[in-house]
Amino acid sequence: KLNVQTASREEIIDLLLKSGLWPMIIQRPYGIIADPSDTPKAVFVSTFDSAPLAPDYNFVLAGEKRNLETGIEAMRKLTSGKVHLGVRAGAEGEMAFLKGAEIHTFAGKHPVGNVGVQIHHVDPINKDERVWTVNIQDLAIIGRLFNEGRVDMTKIIAVAGSEIEKPQYCRVVAGARVDSILRGNVKPQKEGDHVRIISGNVLTGTRTAPD
């Protein structure tokens, strides 16, 4: 374990690199893996996904408050500015009460949950500036690394869509085969029909095969 409160910036970067979790940190502009030698002006995390059929992160991450706050503290050490959290107005759950970050409330339709939209409204990126972003589920995984001293790549996903028999949440390990998640839960198809499987949301996700 590494105490995130007392650890140096270099120690945090070193652990994230060694553990393989560093690629969870994405640089904007360009949407590429962050450069550990850079110092971003801020770190942005969206705590909700406004896309159709997306999981409710307040439900998915219930009980993860400690890991999320440790993840926020780690991100604070990596930026010269603030960690900004975008939360959905009126949402239940603990997201709006996480310590260590500046909270910004957003209301409205998709793409209000997209971190790029939130950056634009809170602290736009000017010429020669960089910000880093982290997915909220990945932030919990990073926090768990510091709190428990182990890499735990489990996360909860939503299995949904018109051809799913029983829409549900599933706890999976990153990289799990799709058919291990969907087996027995796809409606019977007529001869000649086929089901389109999308990893991610229906607007920006990628088509994938069962295997």
Protein backbone atom coordinates (compact mmCIF):
# COMPACT_ATOMS: atom_id res chain seq x y z
CA LYS A 1 0.00 0.00 0.00
CA LEU A 2 1.04 3.60 -0.60
CA ASN A 3 -0.40 6.31 1.65
CA VAL A 4 -1.81 8.77 -0.86
CA GLN A 5 -1.87 11.57 1.73
CA THR A 6 1.88 11.46 2.37
CA ALA A 7 3.12 10.09 -0.96
CA SER A 8 4.96 12.35 -3.38
CA ARG A 9 3.71 13.05 -6.90
CA GLU A 10 6.56 10.89 -8.26
CA GLU A 11 5.64 7.94 -6.01
CA ILE A 12 1.99 8.08 -7.13
CA ILE A 13 2.96 8.22 -10.82
CA ASP A 14 5.43 5.36 -10.34
CA LEU A 15 2.81 3.11 -8.70
CA LEU A 16 0.19 3.87 -11.36
CA LEU A 17 2.72 3.04 -14.09
CA LYS A 18 3.93 -0.18 -12.42
CA SER A 19 0.38 -1.37 -11.70
CA GLY A 20 -0.75 -0.86 -15.30
CA LEU A 21 -3.47 1.62 -14.29
CA TRP A 22 -1.83 4.72 -15.78
CA PRO A 23 -3.63 4.32 -19.18
CA MET A 24 -6.90 5.10 -17.36
CA ILE A 25 -5.77 8.74 -17.28
CA ILE A 26 -6.61 10.46 -20.58
CA GLN A 27 -5.29 13.79 -21.85
CA ARG A 28 -7.47 16.42 -23.51
CA PRO A 29 -7.12 17.67 -26.18
CA TYR A 30 -6.70 14.66 -28.45
CA GLY A 31 -8.06 11.94 -26.13
CA ILE A 32 -4.71 10.14 -25.75
CA ILE A 33 -3.08 8.49 -22.73
CA ALA A 34 -1.65 11.19 -20.47
CA ASP A 35 2.09 11.84 -20.46
CA PRO A 36 3.48 11.25 -16.92
CA SER A 37 6.04 14.03 -17.46
CA ASP A 38 3.26 16.60 -17.99
CA THR A 39 1.40 18.55 -15.33
CA PRO A 40 -2.21 19.25 -16.36
CA LYS A 41 -3.97 22.47 -15.39
CA ALA A 42 -6.87 20.40 -13.98
CA VAL A 43 -8.37 16.91 -13.78
CA PHE A 44 -12.01 16.34 -14.77
CA VAL A 45 -14.26 13.44 -13.79
CA SER A 46 -17.90 13.08 -14.88
CA THR A 47 -19.87 11.14 -12.27
CA PHE A 48 -22.77 10.30 -14.59
CA ASP A 49 -23.41 9.04 -18.10
CA SER A 50 -26.32 10.70 -19.90
CA ALA A 51 -26.27 8.36 -22.92
CA PRO A 52 -29.20 5.98 -23.59
CA LEU A 53 -29.14 2.70 -21.60
CA ALA A 54 -26.06 3.80 -19.64
CA PRO A 55 -25.53 2.50 -16.08
CA ASP A 56 -26.46 4.66 -13.09
CA TYR A 57 -23.08 5.27 -11.44
CA ASN A 58 -24.69 6.22 -8.12
CA PHE A 59 -26.04 2.65 -8.01
CA VAL A 60 -22.97 1.01 -9.56
CA LEU A 61 -20.54 2.72 -7.17
CA ALA A 62 -22.62 2.55 -3.98
CA GLY A 63 -20.25 1.79 -1.11
CA GLU A 64 -17.17 3.00 -3.05
CA LYS A 65 -16.99 6.45 -1.38
CA ARG A 66 -13.65 5.77 0.32
CA ASN A 67 -12.02 4.48 -2.87
CA LEU A 68 -13.38 7.40 -4.89
CA GLU A 69 -12.07 9.95 -2.39
CA THR A 70 -8.65 8.25 -2.38
CA GLY A 71 -8.68 8.38 -6.18
CA ILE A 72 -9.52 12.10 -6.04
CA GLU A 73 -6.64 12.68 -3.61
CA ALA A 74 -4.25 10.88 -5.98
CA MET A 75 -5.43 13.06 -8.88
CA ARG A 76 -4.99 16.20 -6.75
CA LYS A 77 -1.31 15.33 -6.39
CA LEU A 78 -0.95 15.07 -10.19
CA THR A 79 -2.35 18.48 -11.18
CA SER A 80 -1.28 22.03 -10.47
CA GLY A 81 -4.99 22.97 -10.33
CA LYS A 82 -8.18 21.36 -9.10
CA VAL A 83 -10.02 18.08 -9.53
CA HIS A 84 -13.45 18.91 -10.98
CA LEU A 85 -16.39 16.54 -10.50
CA GLY A 86 -19.45 16.87 -12.72
CA VAL A 87 -22.60 15.61 -10.97
CA ARG A 88 -26.17 15.30 -12.24
CA ALA A 89 -28.62 17.76 -10.69
CA GLY A 90 -31.08 16.07 -8.36
CA ALA A 91 -29.38 12.67 -8.49
CA GLU A 92 -29.46 10.43 -5.44
CA GLY A 93 -26.28 8.92 -4.03
CA GLU A 94 -22.94 10.08 -2.68
CA MET A 95 -21.34 11.71 -5.74
CA ALA A 96 -22.21 15.29 -4.77
CA PHE A 97 -20.69 14.75 -1.30
CA LEU A 98 -17.25 13.41 -2.27
CA LYS A 99 -14.45 15.31 -0.55
CA GLY A 100 -11.36 16.79 -2.19
CA ALA A 101 -12.89 17.93 -5.47
CA GLU A 102 -14.76 20.95 -6.76
CA ILE A 103 -18.35 19.91 -7.47
CA HIS A 104 -20.21 21.20 -10.54
CA THR A 105 -23.90 20.41 -11.11
CA PHE A 106 -25.28 19.74 -14.59
CA ALA A 107 -28.86 19.31 -15.78
CA GLY A 108 -30.29 18.54 -19.20
CA LYS A 109 -30.22 15.94 -21.95
CA HIS A 110 -27.36 13.98 -23.45
CA PRO A 111 -24.48 14.82 -24.00
CA VAL A 112 -24.53 16.72 -20.68
CA GLY A 113 -22.74 13.78 -19.00
CA ASN A 114 -19.81 13.85 -21.45
CA VAL A 115 -16.66 15.10 -19.79
CA GLY A 116 -15.81 17.25 -22.83
CA VAL A 117 -19.06 19.20 -22.45
CA GLN A 118 -18.33 19.69 -18.74
CA ILE A 119 -14.78 20.92 -19.44
CA HIS A 120 -16.18 23.44 -21.92
CA HIS A 121 -18.53 24.91 -19.31
CA VAL A 122 -16.19 24.83 -16.29
CA ASP A 123 -12.67 25.59 -17.53
CA PRO A 124 -12.23 25.49 -21.34
CA ILE A 125 -8.89 24.34 -22.75
CA ASN A 126 -6.95 27.24 -24.27
CA LYS A 127 -3.98 27.09 -26.63
CA ASP A 128 -1.05 25.05 -25.22
CA GLU A 129 -3.12 23.90 -22.20
CA ARG A 130 -3.87 20.30 -21.19
CA VAL A 131 -6.32 18.72 -18.82
CA TRP A 132 -6.59 15.08 -17.77
CA THR A 133 -9.77 13.05 -17.42
CA VAL A 134 -10.60 9.79 -15.64
CA ASN A 135 -13.73 7.65 -15.93
CA ILE A 136 -15.51 7.50 -12.55
CA GLN A 137 -15.34 3.66 -12.39
CA ASP A 138 -11.62 3.81 -13.18
CA LEU A 139 -11.18 6.39 -10.41
CA ALA A 140 -12.58 3.83 -7.95
CA ILE A 141 -10.12 1.20 -9.26
CA ILE A 142 -7.24 3.66 -8.77
CA GLY A 143 -8.44 4.44 -5.24
CA ARG A 144 -8.70 0.72 -4.46
CA LEU A 145 -5.08 0.28 -5.53
CA PHE A 146 -3.92 2.74 -2.86
CA ASN A 147 -6.36 1.57 -0.17
CA GLU A 148 -5.90 -2.19 -0.61
CA GLY A 149 -2.54 -2.50 -2.34
CA ARG A 150 -3.93 -4.57 -5.20
CA VAL A 151 -5.13 -4.15 -8.77
CA ASP A 152 -8.83 -5.10 -8.89
CA MET A 153 -10.23 -4.68 -12.41
CA THR A 154 -13.82 -5.60 -11.53
CA LYS A 155 -16.56 -3.17 -12.45
CA ILE A 156 -20.32 -3.22 -12.83
CA ILE A 157 -21.87 -2.82 -16.28
CA ALA A 158 -25.42 -2.47 -17.58
CA VAL A 159 -26.70 -5.20 -19.90
CA ALA A 160 -29.61 -3.63 -21.74
CA GLY A 161 -31.33 -3.09 -25.08
CA SER A 162 -34.38 -4.24 -27.01
CA GLU A 163 -33.15 -7.81 -27.54
CA ILE A 164 -32.16 -8.51 -23.93
CA GLU A 165 -34.56 -10.83 -22.10
CA LYS A 166 -33.84 -9.46 -18.61
CA PRO A 167 -32.04 -6.09 -18.43
CA GLN A 168 -29.65 -6.22 -15.49
CA TYR A 169 -26.40 -5.10 -13.94
CA CYS A 170 -23.45 -7.51 -14.05
CA ARG A 171 -20.20 -7.45 -12.10
CA VAL A 172 -17.44 -8.29 -14.59
CA VAL A 173 -13.67 -8.26 -14.87
CA ALA A 174 -12.33 -5.97 -17.60
CA GLY A 175 -11.70 -8.07 -20.70
CA ALA A 176 -14.38 -10.67 -19.96
CA ARG A 177 -15.84 -12.42 -23.03
CA VAL A 178 -19.12 -10.93 -24.17
CA ASP A 179 -20.84 -14.31 -24.45
CA SER A 180 -20.08 -15.02 -20.78
CA ILE A 181 -22.23 -11.96 -19.97
CA LEU A 182 -25.02 -12.40 -22.54
CA ARG A 183 -25.40 -16.19 -22.55
CA GLY A 184 -29.03 -17.17 -22.01
CA ASN A 185 -30.22 -13.57 -21.85
CA VAL A 186 -30.83 -12.75 -25.54
CA LYS A 187 -34.37 -13.10 -26.90
CA PRO A 188 -34.92 -15.94 -29.41
CA GLN A 189 -34.30 -14.74 -32.97
CA LYS A 190 -36.19 -15.65 -36.13
CA GLU A 191 -34.25 -17.40 -38.85
CA GLY A 192 -32.13 -14.87 -40.73
CA ASP A 193 -32.23 -12.28 -37.95
CA HIS A 194 -29.10 -11.23 -36.13
CA VAL A 195 -28.40 -9.23 -32.97
CA ARG A 196 -26.04 -6.28 -32.96
CA ILE A 197 -23.89 -6.26 -29.81
CA ILE A 198 -22.45 -2.89 -28.80
CA SER A 199 -19.72 -2.38 -26.21
CA GLY A 200 -20.37 1.07 -24.75
CA ASN A 201 -23.45 3.18 -25.39
CA VAL A 202 -25.59 2.98 -28.53
CA LEU A 203 -24.36 6.34 -29.85
CA THR A 204 -20.58 6.08 -29.50
CA GLY A 205 -19.97 2.44 -28.54
CA THR A 206 -18.16 -0.08 -30.74
CA ARG A 207 -19.74 -3.12 -32.37
CA THR A 208 -18.34 -6.31 -30.92
CA ALA A 209 -18.59 -10.08 -31.40
CA PRO A 210 -19.74 -12.58 -28.75
CA ASP A 211 -16.25 -14.10 -28.50
